[in-house]
PDB file of N, CA and C in Angstrom:
ATOM      1  N   MET A   1      -2.356 -19.003 -42.763  1.00  0.00           N
ATOM      2  CA  MET A   1      -3.408 -19.583 -41.960  1.00  0.00           C
ATOM      3  C   MET A   1      -4.280 -18.466 -41.418  1.00  0.00           C
ATOM      4  N   SER A   2      -5.543 -18.571 -41.610  1.00  0.00           N
ATOM      5  CA  SER A   2      -6.447 -17.570 -41.070  1.00  0.00           C
ATOM      6  C   SER A   2      -7.285 -18.190 -39.973  1.00  0.00           C
ATOM      7  N   ASP A   3      -7.604 -17.406 -38.996  1.00  0.00           N
ATOM      8  CA  ASP A   3      -8.393 -17.867 -37.867  1.00  0.00           C
ATOM      9  C   ASP A   3      -9.859 -17.598 -38.167  1.00  0.00           C
ATOM     10  N   ASN A   4     -10.627 -18.633 -38.405  1.00  0.00           N
ATOM     11  CA  ASN A   4     -12.028 -18.475 -38.763  1.00  0.00           C
ATOM     12  C   ASN A   4     -12.928 -18.326 -37.545  1.00  0.00           C
ATOM     13  N   SER A   5     -12.386 -18.463 -36.337  1.00  0.00           N
ATOM     14  CA  SER A   5     -13.217 -18.347 -35.141  1.00  0.00           C
ATOM     15  C   SER A   5     -13.601 -16.888 -34.880  1.00  0.00           C
ATOM     16  N   SER A   6     -12.808 -15.922 -35.340  1.00  0.00           N
ATOM     17  CA  SER A   6     -13.150 -14.509 -35.197  1.00  0.00           C
ATOM     18  C   SER A   6     -12.877 -13.812 -36.528  1.00  0.00           C
ATOM     19  N   PRO A   7     -13.830 -13.865 -37.455  1.00  0.00           N
ATOM     20  CA  PRO A   7     -13.582 -13.372 -38.811  1.00  0.00           C
ATOM     21  C   PRO A   7     -13.532 -11.859 -38.938  1.00  0.00           C
ATOM     22  N   GLY A   8     -13.929 -11.119 -37.934  1.00  0.00           N
ATOM     23  CA  GLY A   8     -13.908  -9.671 -38.019  1.00  0.00           C
ATOM     24  C   GLY A   8     -15.254  -9.119 -38.421  1.00  0.00           C
ATOM     25  N   LEU A   9     -15.356  -7.804 -38.441  1.00  0.00           N
ATOM     26  CA  LEU A   9     -16.622  -7.124 -38.701  1.00  0.00           C
ATOM     27  C   LEU A   9     -17.124  -7.388 -40.110  1.00  0.00           C
ATOM     28  N   LEU A  10     -16.282  -7.204 -41.104  1.00  0.00           N
ATOM     29  CA  LEU A  10     -16.708  -7.385 -42.492  1.00  0.00           C
ATOM     30  C   LEU A  10     -17.044  -8.841 -42.774  1.00  0.00           C
ATOM     31  N   GLY A  11     -16.256  -9.752 -42.228  1.00  0.00           N
ATOM     32  CA  GLY A  11     -16.543 -11.179 -42.416  1.00  0.00           C
ATOM     33  C   GLY A  11     -17.865 -11.571 -41.777  1.00  0.00           C
ATOM     34  N   SER A  12     -18.148 -11.017 -40.599  1.00  0.00           N
ATOM     35  CA  SER A  12     -19.419 -11.313 -39.927  1.00  0.00           C
ATOM     36  C   SER A  12     -20.597 -10.793 -40.740  1.00  0.00           C
ATOM     37  N   VAL A  13     -20.459  -9.610 -41.297  1.00  0.00           N
ATOM     38  CA  VAL A  13     -21.534  -9.037 -42.115  1.00  0.00           C
ATOM     39  C   VAL A  13     -21.753  -9.876 -43.361  1.00  0.00           C
ATOM     40  N   MET A  14     -20.685 -10.279 -44.008  1.00  0.00           N
ATOM     41  CA  MET A  14     -20.823 -11.087 -45.246  1.00  0.00           C
ATOM     42  C   MET A  14     -21.445 -12.447 -44.934  1.00  0.00           C
ATOM     43  N   THR A  15     -21.019 -13.067 -43.835  1.00  0.00           N
ATOM     44  CA  THR A  15     -21.598 -14.357 -43.449  1.00  0.00           C
ATOM     45  C   THR A  15     -23.069 -14.212 -43.124  1.00  0.00           C
ATOM     46  N   ALA A  16     -23.437 -13.157 -42.397  1.00  0.00           N
ATOM     47  CA  ALA A  16     -24.838 -12.930 -42.055  1.00  0.00           C
ATOM     48  C   ALA A  16     -25.659 -12.650 -43.296  1.00  0.00           C
ATOM     49  N   LEU A  17     -25.111 -11.900 -44.232  1.00  0.00           N
ATOM     50  CA  LEU A  17     -25.827 -11.606 -45.476  1.00  0.00           C
ATOM     51  C   LEU A  17     -26.045 -12.874 -46.285  1.00  0.00           C
ATOM     52  N   ARG A  18     -25.028 -13.712 -46.382  1.00  0.00           N
ATOM     53  CA  ARG A  18     -25.135 -14.940 -47.149  1.00  0.00           C
ATOM     54  C   ARG A  18     -26.089 -15.936 -46.486  1.00  0.00           C
ATOM     55  N   ASP A  19     -25.992 -16.062 -45.151  1.00  0.00           N
ATOM     56  CA  ASP A  19     -26.776 -17.086 -44.462  1.00  0.00           C
ATOM     57  C   ASP A  19     -28.201 -16.643 -44.145  1.00  0.00           C
ATOM     58  N   HIS A  20     -28.394 -15.362 -43.773  1.00  0.00           N
ATOM     59  CA  HIS A  20     -29.693 -14.971 -43.237  1.00  0.00           C
ATOM     60  C   HIS A  20     -30.342 -13.796 -43.934  1.00  0.00           C
ATOM     61  N   GLY A  21     -29.690 -13.156 -44.840  1.00  0.00           N
ATOM     62  CA  GLY A  21     -30.312 -12.071 -45.576  1.00  0.00           C
ATOM     63  C   GLY A  21     -29.840 -10.696 -45.126  1.00  0.00           C
ATOM     64  N   LEU A  22     -30.471  -9.699 -45.736  1.00  0.00           N
ATOM     65  CA  LEU A  22     -30.070  -8.313 -45.551  1.00  0.00           C
ATOM     66  C   LEU A  22     -30.296  -7.823 -44.121  1.00  0.00           C
ATOM     67  N   THR A  23     -31.386  -8.178 -43.509  1.00  0.00           N
ATOM     68  CA  THR A  23     -31.694  -7.718 -42.157  1.00  0.00           C
ATOM     69  C   THR A  23     -30.626  -8.196 -41.168  1.00  0.00           C
ATOM     70  N   ALA A  24     -30.241  -9.437 -41.263  1.00  0.00           N
ATOM     71  CA  ALA A  24     -29.215  -9.972 -40.373  1.00  0.00           C
ATOM     72  C   ALA A  24     -27.870  -9.293 -40.625  1.00  0.00           C
ATOM     73  N   ALA A  25     -27.579  -8.994 -41.897  1.00  0.00           N
ATOM     74  CA  ALA A  25     -26.324  -8.321 -42.224  1.00  0.00           C
ATOM     75  C   ALA A  25     -26.298  -6.919 -41.630  1.00  0.00           C
ATOM     76  N   ILE A  26     -27.411  -6.203 -41.721  1.00  0.00           N
ATOM     77  CA  ILE A  26     -27.478  -4.853 -41.144  1.00  0.00           C
ATOM     78  C   ILE A  26     -27.343  -4.923 -39.628  1.00  0.00           C
ATOM     79  N   THR A  27     -28.000  -5.901 -39.024  1.00  0.00           N
ATOM     80  CA  THR A  27     -27.898  -6.083 -37.579  1.00  0.00           C
ATOM     81  C   THR A  27     -26.458  -6.388 -37.174  1.00  0.00           C
ATOM     82  N   ALA A  28     -25.792  -7.234 -37.924  1.00  0.00           N
ATOM     83  CA  ALA A  28     -24.390  -7.560 -37.633  1.00  0.00           C
ATOM     84  C   ALA A  28     -23.504  -6.334 -37.808  1.00  0.00           C
ATOM     85  N   LEU A  29     -23.787  -5.523 -38.820  1.00  0.00           N
ATOM     86  CA  LEU A  29     -23.008  -4.313 -39.055  1.00  0.00           C
ATOM     87  C   LEU A  29     -23.186  -3.324 -37.899  1.00  0.00           C
ATOM     88  N   ILE A  30     -24.429  -3.136 -37.469  1.00  0.00           N
ATOM     89  CA  ILE A  30     -24.689  -2.232 -36.344  1.00  0.00           C
ATOM     90  C   ILE A  30     -24.034  -2.766 -35.070  1.00  0.00           C
ATOM     91  N   GLY A  31     -24.160  -4.059 -34.828  1.00  0.00           N
ATOM     92  CA  GLY A  31     -23.533  -4.665 -33.647  1.00  0.00           C
ATOM     93  C   GLY A  31     -22.019  -4.516 -33.676  1.00  0.00           C
ATOM     94  N   GLY A  32     -21.449  -4.679 -34.845  1.00  0.00           N
ATOM     95  CA  GLY A  32     -19.999  -4.528 -34.982  1.00  0.00           C
ATOM     96  C   GLY A  32     -19.553  -3.106 -34.697  1.00  0.00           C
ATOM     97  N   PHE A  33     -20.318  -2.141 -35.221  1.00  0.00           N
ATOM     98  CA  PHE A  33     -19.977  -0.745 -34.952  1.00  0.00           C
ATOM     99  C   PHE A  33     -20.128  -0.409 -33.472  1.00  0.00           C
ATOM    100  N   LEU A  34     -21.139  -0.966 -32.828  1.00  0.00           N
ATOM    101  CA  LEU A  34     -21.302  -0.743 -31.394  1.00  0.00           C
ATOM    102  C   LEU A  34     -20.138  -1.347 -30.602  1.00  0.00           C
ATOM    103  N   ALA A  35     -19.712  -2.539 -31.021  1.00  0.00           N
ATOM    104  CA  ALA A  35     -18.567  -3.166 -30.354  1.00  0.00           C
ATOM    105  C   ALA A  35     -17.296  -2.336 -30.569  1.00  0.00           C
ATOM    106  N   LEU A  36     -17.128  -1.827 -31.775  1.00  0.00           N
ATOM    107  CA  LEU A  36     -15.975  -0.979 -32.084  1.00  0.00           C
ATOM    108  C   LEU A  36     -16.025   0.307 -31.256  1.00  0.00           C
ATOM    109  N   PHE A  37     -17.195   0.917 -31.160  1.00  0.00           N
ATOM    110  CA  PHE A  37     -17.372   2.128 -30.371  1.00  0.00           C
ATOM    111  C   PHE A  37     -17.070   1.857 -28.890  1.00  0.00           C
ATOM    112  N   ALA A  38     -17.527   0.707 -28.399  1.00  0.00           N
ATOM    113  CA  ALA A  38     -17.266   0.348 -27.001  1.00  0.00           C
ATOM    114  C   ALA A  38     -15.768   0.179 -26.751  1.00  0.00           C
ATOM    115  N   ALA A  39     -15.076  -0.445 -27.698  1.00  0.00           N
ATOM    116  CA  ALA A  39     -13.629  -0.639 -27.546  1.00  0.00           C
ATOM    117  C   ALA A  39     -12.897   0.701 -27.547  1.00  0.00           C
ATOM    118  N   ILE A  40     -13.306   1.593 -28.432  1.00  0.00           N
ATOM    119  CA  ILE A  40     -12.667   2.914 -28.506  1.00  0.00           C
ATOM    120  C   ILE A  40     -12.947   3.703 -27.233  1.00  0.00           C
ATOM    121  N   THR A  41     -14.190   3.632 -26.753  1.00  0.00           N
ATOM    122  CA  THR A  41     -14.552   4.345 -25.527  1.00  0.00           C
ATOM    123  C   THR A  41     -13.770   3.805 -24.341  1.00  0.00           C
ATOM    124  N   ARG A  42     -13.667   2.490 -24.241  1.00  0.00           N
ATOM    125  CA  ARG A  42     -12.918   1.883 -23.139  1.00  0.00           C
ATOM    126  C   ARG A  42     -11.460   2.329 -23.193  1.00  0.00           C
ATOM    127  N   ARG A  43     -10.897   2.365 -24.376  1.00  0.00           N
ATOM    128  CA  ARG A  43      -9.505   2.801 -24.538  1.00  0.00           C
ATOM    129  C   ARG A  43      -9.350   4.266 -24.133  1.00  0.00           C
ATOM    130  N   ALA A  44     -10.320   5.091 -24.518  1.00  0.00           N
ATOM    131  CA  ALA A  44     -10.247   6.516 -24.179  1.00  0.00           C
ATOM    132  C   ALA A  44     -10.313   6.710 -22.665  1.00  0.00           C
ATOM    133  N   PHE A  45     -11.204   5.984 -21.989  1.00  0.00           N
ATOM    134  CA  PHE A  45     -11.300   6.125 -20.540  1.00  0.00           C
ATOM    135  C   PHE A  45     -10.053   5.574 -19.848  1.00  0.00           C
ATOM    136  N   THR A  46      -9.477   4.513 -20.399  1.00  0.00           N
ATOM    137  CA  THR A  46      -8.248   3.963 -19.835  1.00  0.00           C
ATOM    138  C   THR A  46      -7.124   4.986 -19.964  1.00  0.00           C
ATOM    139  N   ASN A  47      -7.022   5.611 -21.149  1.00  0.00           N
ATOM    140  CA  ASN A  47      -5.992   6.633 -21.345  1.00  0.00           C
ATOM    141  C   ASN A  47      -6.225   7.832 -20.436  1.00  0.00           C
ATOM    142  N   ASP A  48      -7.498   8.214 -20.259  1.00  0.00           N
ATOM    143  CA  ASP A  48      -7.818   9.339 -19.384  1.00  0.00           C
ATOM    144  C   ASP A  48      -7.423   9.021 -17.938  1.00  0.00           C
ATOM    145  N   ALA A  49      -7.713   7.811 -17.491  1.00  0.00           N
ATOM    146  CA  ALA A  49      -7.337   7.416 -16.127  1.00  0.00           C
ATOM    147  C   ALA A  49      -5.819   7.405 -15.976  1.00  0.00           C
ATOM    148  N   LEU A  50      -5.112   6.933 -16.995  1.00  0.00           N
ATOM    149  CA  LEU A  50      -3.652   6.915 -16.946  1.00  0.00           C
ATOM    150  C   LEU A  50      -3.099   8.336 -16.891  1.00  0.00           C
ATOM    151  N   LEU A  51      -3.682   9.242 -17.678  1.00  0.00           N
ATOM    152  CA  LEU A  51      -3.239  10.629 -17.651  1.00  0.00           C
ATOM    153  C   LEU A  51      -3.491  11.270 -16.290  1.00  0.00           C
ATOM    154  N   GLN A  52      -4.632  10.969 -15.685  1.00  0.00           N
ATOM    155  CA  GLN A  52      -4.914  11.507 -14.355  1.00  0.00           C
ATOM    156  C   GLN A  52      -3.920  10.980 -13.325  1.00  0.00           C
ATOM    157  N   GLN A  53      -3.578   9.706 -13.423  1.00  0.00           N
ATOM    158  CA  GLN A  53      -2.600   9.128 -12.500  1.00  0.00           C
ATOM    159  C   GLN A  53      -1.235   9.793 -12.697  1.00  0.00           C
ATOM    160  N   LEU A  54      -0.844   9.989 -13.946  1.00  0.00           N
ATOM    161  CA  LEU A  54       0.435  10.650 -14.219  1.00  0.00           C
ATOM    162  C   LEU A  54       0.427  12.090 -13.722  1.00  0.00           C
ATOM    163  N   ASP A  55      -0.709  12.778 -13.854  1.00  0.00           N
ATOM    164  CA  ASP A  55      -0.814  14.145 -13.333  1.00  0.00           C
ATOM    165  C   ASP A  55      -0.645  14.167 -11.814  1.00  0.00           C
ATOM    166  N   ARG A  56      -1.270  13.209 -11.128  1.00  0.00           N
ATOM    167  CA  ARG A  56      -1.128  13.145  -9.670  1.00  0.00           C
ATOM    168  C   ARG A  56       0.324  12.879  -9.280  1.00  0.00           C
ATOM    169  N   GLU A  57       0.976  11.960  -9.981  1.00  0.00           N
ATOM    170  CA  GLU A  57       2.374  11.657  -9.683  1.00  0.00           C
ATOM    171  C   GLU A  57       3.268  12.869  -9.950  1.00  0.00           C
ATOM    172  N   LEU A  58       2.997  13.576 -11.052  1.00  0.00           N
ATOM    173  CA  LEU A  58       3.777  14.767 -11.381  1.00  0.00           C
ATOM    174  C   LEU A  58       3.580  15.845 -10.330  1.00  0.00           C
ATOM    175  N   SER A  59       2.347  16.019  -9.884  1.00  0.00           N
ATOM    176  CA  SER A  59       2.057  17.012  -8.851  1.00  0.00           C
ATOM    177  C   SER A  59       2.785  16.686  -7.548  1.00  0.00           C
ATOM    178  N   SER A  60       2.750  15.441  -7.132  1.00  0.00           N
ATOM    179  CA  SER A  60       3.440  15.064  -5.896  1.00  0.00           C
ATOM    180  C   SER A  60       4.951  15.212  -6.047  1.00  0.00           C
ATOM    181  N   GLU A  61       5.482  14.911  -7.215  1.00  0.00           N
ATOM    182  CA  GLU A  61       6.919  15.063  -7.448  1.00  0.00           C
ATOM    183  C   GLU A  61       7.311  16.542  -7.415  1.00  0.00           C
ATOM    184  N   ARG A  62       6.470  17.397  -7.994  1.00  0.00           N
ATOM    185  CA  ARG A  62       6.743  18.842  -7.954  1.00  0.00           C
ATOM    186  C   ARG A  62       6.719  19.356  -6.519  1.00  0.00           C
ATOM    187  N   GLN A  63       5.757  18.883  -5.722  1.00  0.00           N
ATOM    188  CA  GLN A  63       5.689  19.303  -4.323  1.00  0.00           C
ATOM    189  C   GLN A  63       6.934  18.855  -3.563  1.00  0.00           C
ATOM    190  N   ARG A  64       7.386  17.633  -3.828  1.00  0.00           N
ATOM    191  CA  ARG A  64       8.587  17.128  -3.168  1.00  0.00           C
ATOM    192  C   ARG A  64       9.803  17.968  -3.552  1.00  0.00           C
ATOM    193  N   ILE A  65       9.919  18.290  -4.835  1.00  0.00           N
ATOM    194  CA  ILE A  65      11.056  19.084  -5.305  1.00  0.00           C
ATOM    195  C   ILE A  65      10.998  20.492  -4.728  1.00  0.00           C
ATOM    196  N   ASP A  66       9.802  21.088  -4.677  1.00  0.00           N
ATOM    197  CA  ASP A  66       9.667  22.427  -4.094  1.00  0.00           C
ATOM    198  C   ASP A  66      10.063  22.423  -2.625  1.00  0.00           C
ATOM    199  N   ALA A  67       9.656  21.396  -1.894  1.00  0.00           N
ATOM    200  CA  ALA A  67      10.031  21.299  -0.476  1.00  0.00           C
ATOM    201  C   ALA A  67      11.539  21.149  -0.337  1.00  0.00           C
ATOM    202  N   GLN A  68      12.143  20.344  -1.207  1.00  0.00           N
ATOM    203  CA  GLN A  68      13.595  20.157  -1.161  1.00  0.00           C
ATOM    204  C   GLN A  68      14.314  21.462  -1.472  1.00  0.00           C
ATOM    205  N   ARG A  69      13.810  22.207  -2.461  1.00  0.00           N
ATOM    206  CA  ARG A  69      14.430  23.493  -2.802  1.00  0.00           C
ATOM    207  C   ARG A  69      14.305  24.481  -1.647  1.00  0.00           C
ATOM    208  N   ALA A  70      13.145  24.499  -0.992  1.00  0.00           N
ATOM    209  CA  ALA A  70      12.960  25.401   0.155  1.00  0.00           C
ATOM    210  C   ALA A  70      13.943  25.054   1.270  1.00  0.00           C
ATOM    211  N   GLU A  71      14.111  23.765   1.530  1.00  0.00           N
ATOM    212  CA  GLU A  71      15.069  23.337   2.549  1.00  0.00           C
ATOM    213  C   GLU A  71      16.492  23.717   2.147  1.00  0.00           C
ATOM    214  N   ASP A  72      16.823  23.542   0.866  1.00  0.00           N
ATOM    215  CA  ASP A  72      18.158  23.910   0.385  1.00  0.00           C
ATOM    216  C   ASP A  72      18.398  25.419   0.516  1.00  0.00           C
ATOM    217  N   ARG A  73      17.370  26.224   0.190  1.00  0.00           N
ATOM    218  CA  ARG A  73      17.515  27.679   0.329  1.00  0.00           C
ATOM    219  C   ARG A  73      17.734  28.060   1.797  1.00  0.00           C
ATOM    220  N   HIS A  74      17.016  27.415   2.682  1.00  0.00           N
ATOM    221  CA  HIS A  74      17.166  27.685   4.110  1.00  0.00           C
ATOM    222  C   HIS A  74      18.581  27.327   4.578  1.00  0.00           C
ATOM    223  N   THR A  75      19.068  26.184   4.154  1.00  0.00           N
ATOM    224  CA  THR A  75      20.428  25.756   4.518  1.00  0.00           C
ATOM    225  C   THR A  75      21.460  26.723   3.958  1.00  0.00           C
ATOM    226  N   ASP A  76      21.272  27.149   2.706  1.00  0.00           N
ATOM    227  CA  ASP A  76      22.205  28.099   2.093  1.00  0.00           C
ATOM    228  C   ASP A  76      22.182  29.444   2.816  1.00  0.00           C
ATOM    229  N   ALA A  77      21.009  29.883   3.238  1.00  0.00           N
ATOM    230  CA  ALA A  77      20.909  31.155   3.963  1.00  0.00           C
ATOM    231  C   ALA A  77      21.655  31.071   5.290  1.00  0.00           C
ATOM    232  N   LYS A  78      21.521  29.952   5.978  1.00  0.00           N
ATOM    233  CA  LYS A  78      22.253  29.779   7.245  1.00  0.00           C
ATOM    234  C   LYS A  78      23.764  29.797   7.000  1.00  0.00           C
ATOM    235  N   ARG A  79      24.188  29.100   5.965  1.00  0.00           N
ATOM    236  CA  ARG A  79      25.617  29.049   5.653  1.00  0.00           C
ATOM    237  C   ARG A  79      26.143  30.435   5.296  1.00  0.00           C
ATOM    238  N   LEU A  80      25.396  31.200   4.512  1.00  0.00           N
ATOM    239  CA  LEU A  80      25.816  32.558   4.152  1.00  0.00           C
ATOM    240  C   LEU A  80      25.878  33.457   5.379  1.00  0.00           C
ATOM    241  N   ASP A  81      24.944  33.282   6.296  1.00  0.00           N
ATOM    242  CA  ASP A  81      24.994  34.061   7.542  1.00  0.00           C
ATOM    243  C   ASP A  81      26.268  33.757   8.323  1.00  0.00           C
ATOM    244  N   ARG A  82      26.637  32.481   8.408  1.00  0.00           N
ATOM    245  CA  ARG A  82      27.877  32.116   9.113  1.00  0.00           C
ATOM    246  C   ARG A  82      29.095  32.701   8.409  1.00  0.00           C
ATOM    247  N   ILE A  83      29.104  32.664   7.082  1.00  0.00           N
ATOM    248  CA  ILE A  83      30.233  33.225   6.321  1.00  0.00           C
ATOM    249  C   ILE A  83      30.326  34.727   6.563  1.00  0.00           C
ATOM    250  N   GLU A  84      29.168  35.416   6.509  1.00  0.00           N
ATOM    251  CA  GLU A  84      29.187  36.873   6.747  1.00  0.00           C
ATOM    252  C   GLU A  84      29.664  37.199   8.159  1.00  0.00           C
ATOM    253  N   THR A  85      29.244  36.400   9.129  1.00  0.00           N
ATOM    254  CA  THR A  85      29.691  36.604  10.513  1.00  0.00           C
ATOM    255  C   THR A  85      31.199  36.422  10.614  1.00  0.00           C
ATOM    256  N   ASP A  86      31.720  35.396   9.968  1.00  0.00           N
ATOM    257  CA  ASP A  86      33.172  35.161   9.985  1.00  0.00           C
ATOM    258  C   ASP A  86      33.920  36.305   9.308  1.00  0.00           C
ATOM    259  N   ILE A  87      33.388  36.802   8.192  1.00  0.00           N
ATOM    260  CA  ILE A  87      34.051  37.905   7.477  1.00  0.00           C
ATOM    261  C   ILE A  87      34.068  39.154   8.353  1.00  0.00           C
ATOM    262  N   ARG A  88      32.949  39.434   9.006  1.00  0.00           N
ATOM    263  CA  ARG A  88      32.911  40.604   9.901  1.00  0.00           C
ATOM    264  C   ARG A  88      33.918  40.454  11.047  1.00  0.00           C
ATOM    265  N   ALA A  89      34.003  39.255  11.617  1.00  0.00           N
ATOM    266  CA  ALA A  89      34.943  39.022  12.717  1.00  0.00           C
ATOM    267  C   ALA A  89      36.376  39.240  12.262  1.00  0.00           C
ATOM    268  N   VAL A  90      36.721  38.743  11.085  1.00  0.00           N
ATOM    269  CA  VAL A  90      38.082  38.929  10.562  1.00  0.00           C
ATOM    270  C   VAL A  90      38.324  40.399  10.270  1.00  0.00           C
ATOM    271  N   ARG A  91      37.330  41.077   9.692  1.00  0.00           N
ATOM    272  CA  ARG A  91      37.475  42.505   9.400  1.00  0.00           C
ATOM    273  C   ARG A  91      37.698  43.296  10.688  1.00  0.00           C
ATOM    274  N   ASP A  92      36.901  43.000  11.698  1.00  0.00           N
ATOM    275  CA  ASP A  92      37.055  43.700  12.986  1.00  0.00           C
ATOM    276  C   ASP A  92      38.425  43.417  13.603  1.00  0.00           C
ATOM    277  N   MET A  93      38.884  42.180  13.486  1.00  0.00           N
ATOM    278  CA  MET A  93      40.180  41.812  14.040  1.00  0.00           C
ATOM    279  C   MET A  93      41.303  42.554  13.313  1.00  0.00           C
ATOM    280  N   ILE A  94      41.235  42.662  12.005  1.00  0.00           N
ATOM    281  CA  ILE A  94      42.251  43.376  11.228  1.00  0.00           C
ATOM    282  C   ILE A  94      42.194  44.870  11.557  1.00  0.00           C
ATOM    283  N   PHE A  95      40.977  45.404  11.680  1.00  0.00           N
ATOM    284  CA  PHE A  95      40.831  46.822  12.007  1.00  0.00           C
ATOM    285  C   PHE A  95      41.461  47.139  13.367  1.00  0.00           C
ATOM    286  N   GLU A  96      41.192  46.290  14.355  1.00  0.00           N
ATOM    287  CA  GLU A  96      41.789  46.476  15.690  1.00  0.00           C
ATOM    288  C   GLU A  96      43.305  46.380  15.639  1.00  0.00           C
ATOM    289  N   ALA A  97      43.829  45.466  14.818  1.00  0.00           N
ATOM    290  CA  ALA A  97      45.285  45.307  14.703  1.00  0.00           C
ATOM    291  C   ALA A  97      45.896  46.572  14.124  1.00  0.00           C
ATOM    292  N   PHE A  98      45.254  47.190  13.139  1.00  0.00           N
ATOM    293  CA  PHE A  98      45.787  48.416  12.550  1.00  0.00           C
ATOM    294  C   PHE A  98      45.625  49.595  13.500  1.00  0.00           C
ATOM    295  N   GLN A  99      44.589  49.572  14.304  1.00  0.00           N
ATOM    296  CA  GLN A  99      44.374  50.664  15.257  1.00  0.00           C
ATOM    297  C   GLN A  99      45.431  50.656  16.362  1.00  0.00           C
ATOM    298  N   ARG A 100      45.850  49.518  16.767  1.00  0.00           N
ATOM    299  CA  ARG A 100      46.847  49.398  17.831  1.00  0.00           C
ATOM    300  C   ARG A 100      48.237  49.807  17.346  1.00  0.00           C
ATOM    301  N   GLY A 101      48.492  49.604  16.109  1.00  0.00           N
ATOM    302  CA  GLY A 101      49.812  49.943  15.594  1.00  0.00           C
ATOM    303  C   GLY A 101      50.737  48.741  15.718  1.00  0.00           C
ATOM    304  N   PRO A 102      51.980  48.960  15.308  1.00  0.00           N
ATOM    305  CA  PRO A 102      52.943  47.855  15.390  1.00  0.00           C
ATOM    306  C   PRO A 102      53.272  47.522  16.829  1.00  0.00           C
ATOM    307  N   PRO A 103      53.533  46.276  17.093  1.00  0.00           N
ATOM    308  CA  PRO A 103      53.860  45.896  18.472  1.00  0.00           C
ATOM    309  C   PRO A 103      55.221  46.468  18.887  1.00  0.00           C
ATOM    310  N   GLY A 104      55.276  46.864  20.069  1.00  0.00           N
ATOM    311  CA  GLY A 104      56.533  47.243  20.613  1.00  0.00           C
ATOM    312  C   GLY A 104      56.729  48.617  21.005  1.00  0.00           C
TER     313      GLY A 104
END
């Protein structure tokens, strides 16, 4: 079953040529190409807008991840400082114990 309500570009040109002559066929061909060009242009702009939206989303996601990494580095630095402080305290405590000598 073919849909005769929208015969396509070539069908429109052939119908115009048969019914109205060469001038109408050329006009239909030019109109069809313009419609095709408009569809391609619309698709290109739609894709461009989609790419821009994806770029914005990617940029915001990168900023969020960078902020999270900075916060993680800050937390890790604090934790390492506490560990180093604890190690120094234990070292000092052991050093004092050896300096005092055995009890008694």
